[in-house]
Amino acid sequence: MILRYLLHTNIVSTPISKTPDPAILERLEKHGLECAIAAPVWHELSYVAAIARVHQLTLVTTNTRDFTRFTGLTVENWSKRKPRPSPKTEER
């Protein structure tokens, strides 16, 4: 099987979350053998983006907004849940 996806930590942690997203679980089941897992790099999203781009992998994350600045990167969100607003845009 060929690797096609690089999973961001918010996707990898889905199966053990208190309320796992069924859509993500379904995609993990379907594409599990085609997935690689990015080492957690909490402060450097660019490392994760670079790994995916260099290896021509689709980056799977629920945090698509932070990856839009990277050119040549294919990003997918397997969740069907509405994204949470970032703290910067949240009304107070």
C-alpha atoms as a PDB file:
ATOM      1  CA  MET A   1       0.000   0.000   0.000  1.00  0.00           C
ATOM      2  CA  ILE A   2       1.247   3.503  -0.830  1.00  0.00           C
ATOM      3  CA  LEU A   3       1.290   6.285   1.764  1.00  0.00           C
ATOM      4  CA  ARG A   4      -1.157   9.029   0.821  1.00  0.00           C
ATOM      5  CA  TYR A   5      -1.919  10.890   4.048  1.00  0.00           C
ATOM      6  CA  LEU A   6       0.032  12.538   6.855  1.00  0.00           C
ATOM      7  CA  LEU A   7      -2.107  12.745   9.978  1.00  0.00           C
ATOM      8  CA  HIS A   8      -1.880  15.776  12.234  1.00  0.00           C
ATOM      9  CA  THR A   9      -2.062  15.105  15.984  1.00  0.00           C
ATOM     10  CA  ASN A  10      -5.673  16.282  16.245  1.00  0.00           C
ATOM     11  CA  ILE A  11      -6.644  13.441  13.882  1.00  0.00           C
ATOM     12  CA  VAL A  12      -4.476  10.798  15.549  1.00  0.00           C
ATOM     13  CA  SER A  13      -6.015  11.550  18.967  1.00  0.00           C
ATOM     14  CA  THR A  14      -9.600  11.162  17.728  1.00  0.00           C
ATOM     15  CA  PRO A  15     -10.055   7.475  18.649  1.00  0.00           C
ATOM     16  CA  ILE A  16      -9.245   8.152  22.318  1.00  0.00           C
ATOM     17  CA  SER A  17     -11.191  11.386  22.706  1.00  0.00           C
ATOM     18  CA  LYS A  18     -14.260  11.539  24.978  1.00  0.00           C
ATOM     19  CA  THR A  19     -16.498  12.199  21.972  1.00  0.00           C
ATOM     20  CA  PRO A  20     -14.748  10.802  18.904  1.00  0.00           C
ATOM     21  CA  ASP A  21     -15.867  12.204  15.568  1.00  0.00           C
ATOM     22  CA  PRO A  22     -17.543   9.327  13.689  1.00  0.00           C
ATOM     23  CA  ALA A  23     -16.564  10.765  10.299  1.00  0.00           C
ATOM     24  CA  ILE A  24     -12.874  10.745  11.238  1.00  0.00           C
ATOM     25  CA  LEU A  25     -13.119   7.232  12.678  1.00  0.00           C
ATOM     26  CA  GLU A  26     -14.684   6.035   9.430  1.00  0.00           C
ATOM     27  CA  ARG A  27     -11.901   7.585   7.326  1.00  0.00           C
ATOM     28  CA  LEU A  28      -9.200   6.164   9.612  1.00  0.00           C
ATOM     29  CA  GLU A  29     -10.734   2.721   9.186  1.00  0.00           C
ATOM     30  CA  LYS A  30     -10.881   3.136   5.410  1.00  0.00           C
ATOM     31  CA  HIS A  31      -7.420   4.679   4.869  1.00  0.00           C
ATOM     32  CA  GLY A  32      -5.448   3.434   7.892  1.00  0.00           C
ATOM     33  CA  LEU A  33      -2.802   1.620   5.868  1.00  0.00           C
ATOM     34  CA  GLU A  34      -2.244   4.692   3.703  1.00  0.00           C
ATOM     35  CA  CYS A  35      -1.458   6.989   6.653  1.00  0.00           C
ATOM     36  CA  ALA A  36       1.714   8.256   8.267  1.00  0.00           C
ATOM     37  CA  ILE A  37       1.763  10.040  11.604  1.00  0.00           C
ATOM     38  CA  ALA A  38       3.575  13.343  12.061  1.00  0.00           C
ATOM     39  CA  ALA A  39       5.757  13.629  15.140  1.00  0.00           C
ATOM     40  CA  PRO A  40       4.205  16.223  17.438  1.00  0.00           C
ATOM     41  CA  VAL A  41       5.764  19.608  16.870  1.00  0.00           C
ATOM     42  CA  TRP A  42       3.601  21.900  18.938  1.00  0.00           C
ATOM     43  CA  HIS A  43       5.183  25.201  17.969  1.00  0.00           C
ATOM     44  CA  GLU A  44       6.144  24.595  14.343  1.00  0.00           C
ATOM     45  CA  LEU A  45       3.318  23.810  11.925  1.00  0.00           C
ATOM     46  CA  SER A  46       5.759  24.455   9.110  1.00  0.00           C
ATOM     47  CA  TYR A  47       7.610  21.210   9.894  1.00  0.00           C
ATOM     48  CA  VAL A  48       4.422  19.181   9.515  1.00  0.00           C
ATOM     49  CA  ALA A  49       3.528  21.023   6.305  1.00  0.00           C
ATOM     50  CA  ALA A  50       7.029  20.490   4.889  1.00  0.00           C
ATOM     51  CA  ILE A  51       6.988  16.751   5.618  1.00  0.00           C
ATOM     52  CA  ALA A  52       3.645  16.359   3.858  1.00  0.00           C
ATOM     53  CA  ARG A  53       4.689  18.453   0.876  1.00  0.00           C
ATOM     54  CA  VAL A  54       8.116  16.869   0.347  1.00  0.00           C
ATOM     55  CA  HIS A  55       6.627  13.357   0.425  1.00  0.00           C
ATOM     56  CA  GLN A  56       3.573  14.413  -1.633  1.00  0.00           C
ATOM     57  CA  LEU A  57       1.183  13.395   1.147  1.00  0.00           C
ATOM     58  CA  THR A  58      -2.217  14.890   1.870  1.00  0.00           C
ATOM     59  CA  LEU A  59      -2.140  16.490   5.321  1.00  0.00           C
ATOM     60  CA  VAL A  60      -5.219  15.509   7.336  1.00  0.00           C
ATOM     61  CA  THR A  61      -6.142  17.910  10.140  1.00  0.00           C
ATOM     62  CA  THR A  62      -9.138  19.592  11.694  1.00  0.00           C
ATOM     63  CA  ASN A  63      -7.013  22.741  11.813  1.00  0.00           C
ATOM     64  CA  THR A  64      -7.042  23.573   8.095  1.00  0.00           C
ATOM     65  CA  ARG A  65      -6.991  27.338   8.682  1.00  0.00           C
ATOM     66  CA  ASP A  66      -3.400  27.357   9.984  1.00  0.00           C
ATOM     67  CA  PHE A  67      -2.139  25.443   6.945  1.00  0.00           C
ATOM     68  CA  THR A  68      -3.632  27.704   4.240  1.00  0.00           C
ATOM     69  CA  ARG A  69      -0.464  29.813   4.099  1.00  0.00           C
ATOM     70  CA  PHE A  70       1.620  26.931   2.732  1.00  0.00           C
ATOM     71  CA  THR A  71       1.709  26.696  -1.060  1.00  0.00           C
ATOM     72  CA  GLY A  72       1.712  23.337  -2.807  1.00  0.00           C
ATOM     73  CA  LEU A  73       0.198  21.593   0.207  1.00  0.00           C
ATOM     74  CA  THR A  74      -2.909  19.433  -0.071  1.00  0.00           C
ATOM     75  CA  VAL A  75      -4.973  19.576   3.119  1.00  0.00           C
ATOM     76  CA  GLU A  76      -8.108  17.623   4.047  1.00  0.00           C
ATOM     77  CA  ASN A  77     -10.414  17.836   7.046  1.00  0.00           C
ATOM     78  CA  TRP A  78     -12.053  14.466   7.646  1.00  0.00           C
ATOM     79  CA  SER A  79     -14.333  15.861  10.345  1.00  0.00           C
ATOM     80  CA  LYS A  80     -17.902  16.850   9.623  1.00  0.00           C
ATOM     81  CA  ARG A  81     -18.065  18.896  12.820  1.00  0.00           C
ATOM     82  CA  LYS A  82     -18.179  22.681  12.669  1.00  0.00           C
ATOM     83  CA  PRO A  83     -14.740  24.135  13.499  1.00  0.00           C
ATOM     84  CA  ARG A  84     -14.398  25.942  16.799  1.00  0.00           C
ATOM     85  CA  PRO A  85     -13.630  29.650  16.528  1.00  0.00           C
ATOM     86  CA  SER A  86     -10.069  30.596  17.324  1.00  0.00           C
ATOM     87  CA  PRO A  87      -9.564  32.504  20.590  1.00  0.00           C
ATOM     88  CA  LYS A  88      -8.616  35.613  18.589  1.00  0.00           C
ATOM     89  CA  THR A  89     -11.980  35.809  16.786  1.00  0.00           C
ATOM     90  CA  GLU A  90     -14.202  34.620  19.612  1.00  0.00           C
ATOM     91  CA  GLU A  91     -16.626  37.235  20.920  1.00  0.00           C
ATOM     92  CA  ARG A  92     -16.109  38.173  24.536  1.00  0.00           C
END
